[in-house]
Amino acid sequence: MKRTQKCILTNICLVYDKNKILVINRKKKDWPGLTFPGGHIEKNENFNASVIREVKEETGLNIKKPILCGIEEFKTKDEDRYLMFYYKTNKFSGKLKSSNEGEVFWLDRKDLDKYKLSLDLKRILKVMESDELSEIIYYDKNNKWLSKIV
């Protein structure tokens, strides 16, 4: 049995300050709406460094001590495994600055439902904020995509 497989590695980070959360209103059509900053993990880049880099590129902020708090997995149409690592931190410095990814801004956590959210952001946040949940798994059952949170 083959133990290696092609895999796409990404990250997403919840940056928060008390009841405020940092969001990005993505411009891209493949995943529009409010989400958290993040992106692809580059070849030979460690996971921690990648989330720090992505947050800096998309928000202008320098985050410190991001904590791994969850994971998401699914298969692409080419049967590649796609993994998204969830991080969170309330340690940051710098000046907030939007990028070509979209406008970034602080949002009161309770106001999140007033905005158009990217696919599954509420479920991602549920995992990020939980001490008991760790993963969103997507799977194909009879040609229908289903998911579960564990």
N, C-alpha and C. Protein backbone atom coordinates (compact mmCIF):
# COMPACT_ATOMS: atom_id res chain seq x y z
N MET A 1 0.83 -1.18 0.00
CA MET A 1 0.00 0.00 0.00
C MET A 1 0.88 1.25 0.00
N LYS A 2 0.57 2.15 -0.91
CA LYS A 2 1.34 3.39 -1.02
C LYS A 2 1.02 4.31 0.16
N ARG A 3 2.05 4.83 0.80
CA ARG A 3 1.86 5.68 1.97
C ARG A 3 2.04 7.17 1.68
N THR A 4 2.40 7.52 0.46
CA THR A 4 2.54 8.92 0.11
C THR A 4 1.39 9.33 -0.79
N GLN A 5 1.10 10.61 -0.78
CA GLN A 5 0.03 11.13 -1.60
C GLN A 5 0.28 12.61 -1.86
N LYS A 6 -0.25 13.10 -2.95
CA LYS A 6 -0.12 14.52 -3.25
C LYS A 6 -1.03 15.29 -2.30
N CYS A 7 -0.49 16.40 -1.78
CA CYS A 7 -1.21 17.14 -0.75
C CYS A 7 -1.01 18.64 -0.95
N ILE A 8 -2.08 19.39 -0.77
CA ILE A 8 -2.03 20.85 -0.82
C ILE A 8 -2.17 21.33 0.63
N LEU A 9 -1.24 22.17 1.06
CA LEU A 9 -1.20 22.62 2.45
C LEU A 9 -1.51 24.12 2.52
N THR A 10 -2.46 24.48 3.38
CA THR A 10 -2.85 25.87 3.56
C THR A 10 -3.05 26.17 5.04
N ASN A 11 -3.24 27.45 5.34
CA ASN A 11 -3.51 27.85 6.72
C ASN A 11 -4.51 28.99 6.75
N ILE A 12 -5.06 29.22 7.91
CA ILE A 12 -5.98 30.33 8.16
C ILE A 12 -5.77 30.73 9.61
N CYS A 13 -5.88 32.04 9.91
CA CYS A 13 -5.57 32.49 11.27
C CYS A 13 -6.63 33.45 11.81
N LEU A 14 -7.13 33.14 12.98
CA LEU A 14 -8.01 34.02 13.72
C LEU A 14 -7.13 34.93 14.59
N VAL A 15 -7.07 36.21 14.22
CA VAL A 15 -6.36 37.20 15.01
C VAL A 15 -7.44 37.95 15.79
N TYR A 16 -7.30 38.00 17.10
CA TYR A 16 -8.37 38.60 17.91
C TYR A 16 -7.79 39.51 18.99
N ASP A 17 -8.62 40.44 19.41
CA ASP A 17 -8.28 41.38 20.48
C ASP A 17 -9.55 41.57 21.30
N LYS A 18 -9.65 40.86 22.41
CA LYS A 18 -10.84 40.81 23.25
C LYS A 18 -12.02 40.35 22.40
N ASN A 19 -13.05 41.19 22.21
CA ASN A 19 -14.23 40.77 21.44
C ASN A 19 -14.13 41.12 19.95
N LYS A 20 -13.01 41.67 19.52
CA LYS A 20 -12.81 42.03 18.11
C LYS A 20 -12.05 40.92 17.38
N ILE A 21 -12.47 40.64 16.15
CA ILE A 21 -11.76 39.68 15.31
C ILE A 21 -11.35 40.36 14.01
N LEU A 22 -10.22 39.94 13.47
CA LEU A 22 -9.71 40.51 12.23
C LEU A 22 -10.24 39.68 11.06
N VAL A 23 -10.90 40.35 10.11
CA VAL A 23 -11.46 39.66 8.95
C VAL A 23 -10.94 40.30 7.68
N ILE A 24 -11.04 39.53 6.62
CA ILE A 24 -10.69 40.02 5.29
C ILE A 24 -11.88 39.76 4.37
N ASN A 25 -12.28 40.77 3.62
CA ASN A 25 -13.38 40.63 2.67
C ASN A 25 -12.76 40.27 1.32
N ARG A 26 -12.67 38.98 1.08
CA ARG A 26 -11.96 38.47 -0.10
C ARG A 26 -12.59 38.92 -1.41
N LYS A 27 -11.71 39.28 -2.36
CA LYS A 27 -12.13 39.69 -3.69
C LYS A 27 -12.28 38.51 -4.64
N LYS A 28 -11.53 37.43 -4.39
CA LYS A 28 -11.51 36.31 -5.32
C LYS A 28 -12.87 35.63 -5.41
N LYS A 29 -13.22 35.24 -6.63
CA LYS A 29 -14.52 34.62 -6.87
C LYS A 29 -14.59 33.18 -6.36
N ASP A 30 -13.44 32.53 -6.17
CA ASP A 30 -13.47 31.13 -5.74
C ASP A 30 -13.80 30.96 -4.26
N TRP A 31 -13.72 32.02 -3.47
CA TRP A 31 -14.03 31.93 -2.05
C TRP A 31 -14.33 33.33 -1.53
N PRO A 32 -15.43 33.96 -2.01
CA PRO A 32 -15.73 35.35 -1.65
C PRO A 32 -16.34 35.46 -0.26
N GLY A 33 -16.36 36.67 0.25
CA GLY A 33 -16.98 36.96 1.54
C GLY A 33 -15.94 37.11 2.63
N LEU A 34 -16.43 37.36 3.84
CA LEU A 34 -15.52 37.53 4.97
C LEU A 34 -14.90 36.21 5.37
N THR A 35 -13.62 36.26 5.63
CA THR A 35 -12.88 35.11 6.13
C THR A 35 -11.73 35.63 6.98
N PHE A 36 -10.85 34.74 7.37
CA PHE A 36 -9.67 35.13 8.13
C PHE A 36 -8.46 35.08 7.20
N PRO A 37 -7.42 35.84 7.51
CA PRO A 37 -6.22 35.80 6.66
C PRO A 37 -5.56 34.43 6.68
N GLY A 38 -4.89 34.13 5.61
CA GLY A 38 -4.19 32.85 5.48
C GLY A 38 -3.86 32.58 4.03
N GLY A 39 -3.30 31.41 3.77
CA GLY A 39 -2.94 31.06 2.40
C GLY A 39 -2.16 29.78 2.32
N HIS A 40 -1.44 29.63 1.23
CA HIS A 40 -0.71 28.39 0.97
C HIS A 40 0.62 28.33 1.71
N ILE A 41 0.95 27.14 2.13
CA ILE A 41 2.24 26.88 2.74
C ILE A 41 3.19 26.54 1.60
N GLU A 42 4.26 27.29 1.50
CA GLU A 42 5.21 27.12 0.40
C GLU A 42 6.08 25.87 0.61
N LYS A 43 6.64 25.38 -0.47
CA LYS A 43 7.52 24.22 -0.40
C LYS A 43 8.68 24.52 0.55
N ASN A 44 8.96 23.59 1.44
CA ASN A 44 10.04 23.67 2.43
C ASN A 44 9.83 24.75 3.50
N GLU A 45 8.65 25.34 3.58
CA GLU A 45 8.36 26.35 4.60
C GLU A 45 7.69 25.65 5.79
N ASN A 46 8.11 25.98 7.00
CA ASN A 46 7.44 25.36 8.14
C ASN A 46 6.08 26.01 8.35
N PHE A 47 5.19 25.28 8.98
CA PHE A 47 3.80 25.71 9.10
C PHE A 47 3.66 27.01 9.88
N ASN A 48 4.36 27.12 11.01
CA ASN A 48 4.29 28.31 11.84
C ASN A 48 4.76 29.54 11.08
N ALA A 49 5.88 29.42 10.38
CA ALA A 49 6.40 30.55 9.60
C ALA A 49 5.44 30.94 8.48
N SER A 50 4.77 29.96 7.91
CA SER A 50 3.86 30.25 6.79
C SER A 50 2.66 31.08 7.24
N VAL A 51 2.10 30.77 8.41
CA VAL A 51 0.93 31.53 8.86
C VAL A 51 1.35 32.94 9.27
N ILE A 52 2.52 33.09 9.84
CA ILE A 52 3.04 34.42 10.18
C ILE A 52 3.22 35.24 8.90
N ARG A 53 3.81 34.62 7.87
CA ARG A 53 4.03 35.31 6.59
C ARG A 53 2.71 35.70 5.93
N GLU A 54 1.77 34.76 5.87
CA GLU A 54 0.49 35.03 5.21
C GLU A 54 -0.28 36.16 5.88
N VAL A 55 -0.31 36.17 7.21
CA VAL A 55 -1.01 37.24 7.92
C VAL A 55 -0.34 38.58 7.63
N LYS A 56 0.98 38.61 7.62
CA LYS A 56 1.71 39.84 7.31
C LYS A 56 1.38 40.33 5.89
N GLU A 57 1.42 39.43 4.92
CA GLU A 57 1.15 39.80 3.53
C GLU A 57 -0.27 40.34 3.35
N GLU A 58 -1.25 39.76 4.03
CA GLU A 58 -2.64 40.11 3.81
C GLU A 58 -3.17 41.23 4.71
N THR A 59 -2.48 41.48 5.86
CA THR A 59 -3.02 42.45 6.82
C THR A 59 -2.03 43.53 7.24
N GLY A 60 -0.75 43.32 7.01
CA GLY A 60 0.27 44.24 7.49
C GLY A 60 0.68 43.99 8.93
N LEU A 61 0.01 43.10 9.63
CA LEU A 61 0.32 42.83 11.04
C LEU A 61 1.38 41.75 11.19
N ASN A 62 2.20 41.90 12.22
CA ASN A 62 3.17 40.89 12.61
C ASN A 62 2.57 40.11 13.78
N ILE A 63 2.20 38.85 13.54
CA ILE A 63 1.64 38.06 14.63
C ILE A 63 2.75 37.28 15.32
N LYS A 64 2.48 36.95 16.57
CA LYS A 64 3.43 36.16 17.36
C LYS A 64 2.69 35.01 18.01
N LYS A 65 3.39 33.92 18.18
CA LYS A 65 2.89 32.75 18.90
C LYS A 65 1.52 32.25 18.41
N PRO A 66 1.34 32.04 17.10
CA PRO A 66 0.07 31.47 16.65
C PRO A 66 -0.07 30.04 17.18
N ILE A 67 -1.23 29.71 17.67
CA ILE A 67 -1.52 28.40 18.25
C ILE A 67 -2.32 27.58 17.25
N LEU A 68 -1.87 26.37 16.97
CA LEU A 68 -2.62 25.46 16.12
C LEU A 68 -3.88 25.04 16.87
N CYS A 69 -5.06 25.27 16.28
CA CYS A 69 -6.30 25.00 17.00
C CYS A 69 -7.31 24.19 16.18
N GLY A 70 -6.91 23.65 15.04
CA GLY A 70 -7.83 22.83 14.26
C GLY A 70 -7.28 22.54 12.88
N ILE A 71 -8.03 21.72 12.16
CA ILE A 71 -7.63 21.33 10.81
C ILE A 71 -8.89 21.02 9.99
N GLU A 72 -8.78 21.21 8.70
CA GLU A 72 -9.86 20.87 7.77
C GLU A 72 -9.26 20.02 6.67
N GLU A 73 -10.00 19.05 6.20
CA GLU A 73 -9.48 18.24 5.10
C GLU A 73 -10.57 17.84 4.13
N PHE A 74 -10.18 17.79 2.86
CA PHE A 74 -11.06 17.31 1.81
C PHE A 74 -10.22 16.88 0.62
N LYS A 75 -10.85 16.29 -0.35
CA LYS A 75 -10.17 15.89 -1.59
C LYS A 75 -10.53 16.87 -2.69
N THR A 76 -9.56 17.21 -3.53
CA THR A 76 -9.83 18.06 -4.67
C THR A 76 -10.43 17.21 -5.78
N LYS A 77 -10.85 17.87 -6.85
CA LYS A 77 -11.42 17.13 -7.98
C LYS A 77 -10.40 16.18 -8.61
N ASP A 78 -9.09 16.48 -8.41
CA ASP A 78 -8.03 15.60 -8.92
C ASP A 78 -7.62 14.54 -7.91
N GLU A 79 -8.40 14.42 -6.81
CA GLU A 79 -8.13 13.44 -5.76
C GLU A 79 -6.89 13.77 -4.92
N ASP A 80 -6.44 15.02 -4.97
CA ASP A 80 -5.35 15.45 -4.09
C ASP A 80 -5.95 15.72 -2.71
N ARG A 81 -5.19 15.50 -1.69
CA ARG A 81 -5.64 15.80 -0.34
C ARG A 81 -5.36 17.28 -0.06
N TYR A 82 -6.36 17.99 0.43
CA TYR A 82 -6.25 19.42 0.73
C TYR A 82 -6.39 19.58 2.23
N LEU A 83 -5.36 20.14 2.87
CA LEU A 83 -5.37 20.33 4.32
C LEU A 83 -5.26 21.82 4.64
N MET A 84 -6.14 22.29 5.51
CA MET A 84 -6.07 23.66 6.00
C MET A 84 -5.86 23.61 7.51
N PHE A 85 -4.78 24.24 7.96
CA PHE A 85 -4.45 24.27 9.37
C PHE A 85 -4.99 25.57 9.98
N TYR A 86 -5.75 25.44 11.06
CA TYR A 86 -6.35 26.59 11.74
C TYR A 86 -5.43 27.05 12.86
N TYR A 87 -5.17 28.35 12.89
CA TYR A 87 -4.38 28.97 13.95
C TYR A 87 -5.16 30.12 14.57
N LYS A 88 -4.74 30.51 15.76
CA LYS A 88 -5.29 31.72 16.38
C LYS A 88 -4.22 32.37 17.24
N THR A 89 -4.35 33.69 17.39
CA THR A 89 -3.44 34.44 18.26
C THR A 89 -4.07 35.78 18.62
N ASN A 90 -3.69 36.27 19.78
CA ASN A 90 -4.06 37.62 20.17
C ASN A 90 -2.80 38.46 20.41
N LYS A 91 -1.70 37.97 19.88
CA LYS A 91 -0.41 38.66 20.01
C LYS A 91 0.01 39.19 18.64
N PHE A 92 0.02 40.49 18.49
CA PHE A 92 0.34 41.09 17.19
C PHE A 92 0.83 42.51 17.39
N SER A 93 1.49 43.03 16.36
CA SER A 93 1.92 44.42 16.32
C SER A 93 1.86 44.89 14.88
N GLY A 94 2.00 46.17 14.69
CA GLY A 94 2.00 46.72 13.34
C GLY A 94 0.74 47.50 13.03
N LYS A 95 0.68 48.00 11.83
CA LYS A 95 -0.44 48.81 11.37
C LYS A 95 -1.24 48.02 10.35
N LEU A 96 -2.53 47.98 10.54
CA LEU A 96 -3.43 47.24 9.65
C LEU A 96 -3.42 47.86 8.25
N LYS A 97 -3.26 47.00 7.23
CA LYS A 97 -3.19 47.46 5.85
C LYS A 97 -3.80 46.39 4.94
N SER A 98 -4.77 46.76 4.12
CA SER A 98 -5.39 45.83 3.18
C SER A 98 -4.41 45.46 2.08
N SER A 99 -4.70 44.37 1.38
CA SER A 99 -3.84 43.89 0.30
C SER A 99 -4.70 43.61 -0.93
N ASN A 100 -4.08 43.07 -1.96
CA ASN A 100 -4.83 42.71 -3.16
C ASN A 100 -5.79 41.54 -2.92
N GLU A 101 -5.66 40.88 -1.75
CA GLU A 101 -6.59 39.79 -1.40
C GLU A 101 -7.95 40.34 -1.01
N GLY A 102 -7.97 41.57 -0.46
CA GLY A 102 -9.23 42.18 -0.05
C GLY A 102 -9.04 43.15 1.10
N GLU A 103 -10.13 43.80 1.47
CA GLU A 103 -10.11 44.77 2.57
C GLU A 103 -10.06 44.02 3.90
N VAL A 104 -9.19 44.47 4.80
CA VAL A 104 -9.12 43.89 6.15
C VAL A 104 -9.62 44.92 7.16
N PHE A 105 -10.33 44.41 8.17
CA PHE A 105 -10.84 45.31 9.21
C PHE A 105 -11.19 44.50 10.46
N TRP A 106 -11.26 45.23 11.58
CA TRP A 106 -11.66 44.65 12.84
C TRP A 106 -13.18 44.64 12.91
N LEU A 107 -13.71 43.57 13.43
CA LEU A 107 -15.16 43.39 13.52
C LEU A 107 -15.50 42.87 14.91
N ASP A 108 -16.52 43.44 15.50
CA ASP A 108 -16.99 42.90 16.77
C ASP A 108 -17.52 41.49 16.51
N ARG A 109 -17.09 40.53 17.30
CA ARG A 109 -17.46 39.12 17.09
C ARG A 109 -18.96 38.93 16.97
N LYS A 110 -19.74 39.66 17.76
CA LYS A 110 -21.19 39.49 17.75
C LYS A 110 -21.83 40.01 16.45
N ASP A 111 -21.11 40.80 15.66
CA ASP A 111 -21.65 41.36 14.42
C ASP A 111 -21.34 40.52 13.18
N LEU A 112 -20.71 39.39 13.36
CA LEU A 112 -20.29 38.56 12.23
C LEU A 112 -21.46 38.17 11.32
N ASP A 113 -22.61 37.87 11.89
CA ASP A 113 -23.77 37.43 11.10
C ASP A 113 -24.37 38.53 10.23
N LYS A 114 -23.94 39.76 10.40
CA LYS A 114 -24.46 40.87 9.61
C LYS A 114 -23.79 40.96 8.24
N TYR A 115 -22.79 40.11 7.98
CA TYR A 115 -22.00 40.18 6.76
C TYR A 115 -22.12 38.89 5.94
N LYS A 116 -21.80 39.02 4.66
CA LYS A 116 -21.70 37.84 3.80
C LYS A 116 -20.40 37.14 4.17
N LEU A 117 -20.51 35.87 4.57
CA LEU A 117 -19.34 35.11 5.02
C LEU A 117 -18.89 34.15 3.94
N SER A 118 -17.61 33.87 3.92
CA SER A 118 -17.09 32.86 3.00
C SER A 118 -17.60 31.49 3.42
N LEU A 119 -17.51 30.57 2.51
CA LEU A 119 -17.99 29.21 2.74
C LEU A 119 -17.44 28.63 4.04
N ASP A 120 -18.30 28.20 4.90
CA ASP A 120 -17.98 27.49 6.14
C ASP A 120 -17.25 28.30 7.20
N LEU A 121 -17.22 29.63 7.09
CA LEU A 121 -16.50 30.41 8.09
C LEU A 121 -17.08 30.20 9.50
N LYS A 122 -18.40 30.11 9.61
CA LYS A 122 -18.99 29.90 10.94
C LYS A 122 -18.56 28.57 11.54
N ARG A 123 -18.47 27.54 10.72
CA ARG A 123 -18.04 26.23 11.20
C ARG A 123 -16.55 26.25 11.55
N ILE A 124 -15.75 26.93 10.75
CA ILE A 124 -14.32 27.07 11.04
C ILE A 124 -14.14 27.77 12.39
N LEU A 125 -14.88 28.86 12.60
CA LEU A 125 -14.79 29.60 13.85
C LEU A 125 -15.24 28.75 15.04
N LYS A 126 -16.24 27.91 14.82
CA LYS A 126 -16.72 27.02 15.88
C LYS A 126 -15.58 26.10 16.35
N VAL A 127 -14.83 25.56 15.40
CA VAL A 127 -13.69 24.71 15.75
C VAL A 127 -12.60 25.54 16.43
N MET A 128 -12.29 26.70 15.88
CA MET A 128 -11.23 27.55 16.43
C MET A 128 -11.50 27.96 17.88
N GLU A 129 -12.75 28.18 18.21
CA GLU A 129 -13.10 28.66 19.54
C GLU A 129 -13.40 27.54 20.54
N SER A 130 -13.39 26.30 20.08
CA SER A 130 -13.74 25.18 20.94
C SER A 130 -12.52 24.52 21.58
N ASP A 131 -12.71 24.04 22.78
CA ASP A 131 -11.68 23.22 23.42
C ASP A 131 -11.93 21.74 23.19
N GLU A 132 -13.05 21.40 22.56
CA GLU A 132 -13.42 20.00 22.36
C GLU A 132 -13.44 19.57 20.90
N LEU A 133 -13.49 20.51 19.97
CA LEU A 133 -13.53 20.18 18.55
C LEU A 133 -12.16 20.46 17.93
N SER A 134 -11.81 19.69 16.90
CA SER A 134 -10.49 19.89 16.30
C SER A 134 -10.45 19.79 14.78
N GLU A 135 -11.54 19.33 14.15
CA GLU A 135 -11.40 19.03 12.73
C GLU A 135 -12.73 19.09 12.01
N ILE A 136 -12.70 19.61 10.77
CA ILE A 136 -13.82 19.51 9.85
C ILE A 136 -13.38 18.56 8.74
N ILE A 137 -14.15 17.52 8.54
CA ILE A 137 -13.82 16.50 7.54
C ILE A 137 -14.92 16.51 6.48
N TYR A 138 -14.53 16.62 5.22
CA TYR A 138 -15.45 16.52 4.10
C TYR A 138 -15.25 15.16 3.43
N TYR A 139 -16.34 14.53 3.06
CA TYR A 139 -16.23 13.22 2.43
C TYR A 139 -17.35 13.03 1.42
N ASP A 140 -17.09 12.18 0.46
CA ASP A 140 -18.04 11.89 -0.61
C ASP A 140 -18.82 10.63 -0.25
N LYS A 141 -20.13 10.75 -0.24
CA LYS A 141 -21.00 9.59 0.01
C LYS A 141 -22.05 9.56 -1.08
N ASN A 142 -21.93 8.54 -1.94
CA ASN A 142 -22.86 8.39 -3.07
C ASN A 142 -22.92 9.64 -3.94
N ASN A 143 -21.74 10.16 -4.28
CA ASN A 143 -21.58 11.34 -5.13
C ASN A 143 -22.20 12.61 -4.54
N LYS A 144 -22.27 12.67 -3.23
CA LYS A 144 -22.74 13.85 -2.53
C LYS A 144 -21.72 14.19 -1.44
N TRP A 145 -21.28 15.46 -1.42
CA TRP A 145 -20.31 15.88 -0.43
C TRP A 145 -21.01 16.14 0.90
N LEU A 146 -20.50 15.50 1.93
CA LEU A 146 -20.99 15.67 3.29
C LEU A 146 -19.81 16.11 4.16
N SER A 147 -20.12 16.59 5.35
CA SER A 147 -19.05 16.98 6.25
C SER A 147 -19.46 16.68 7.68
N LYS A 148 -18.45 16.60 8.52
CA LYS A 148 -18.71 16.44 9.94
C LYS A 148 -17.62 17.16 10.71
N ILE A 149 -17.99 17.62 11.90
CA ILE A 149 -17.05 18.27 12.80
C ILE A 149 -16.75 17.28 13.92
N VAL A 150 -15.47 17.05 14.16
CA VAL A 150 -15.07 16.12 15.23
C VAL A 150 -14.14 16.81 16.19
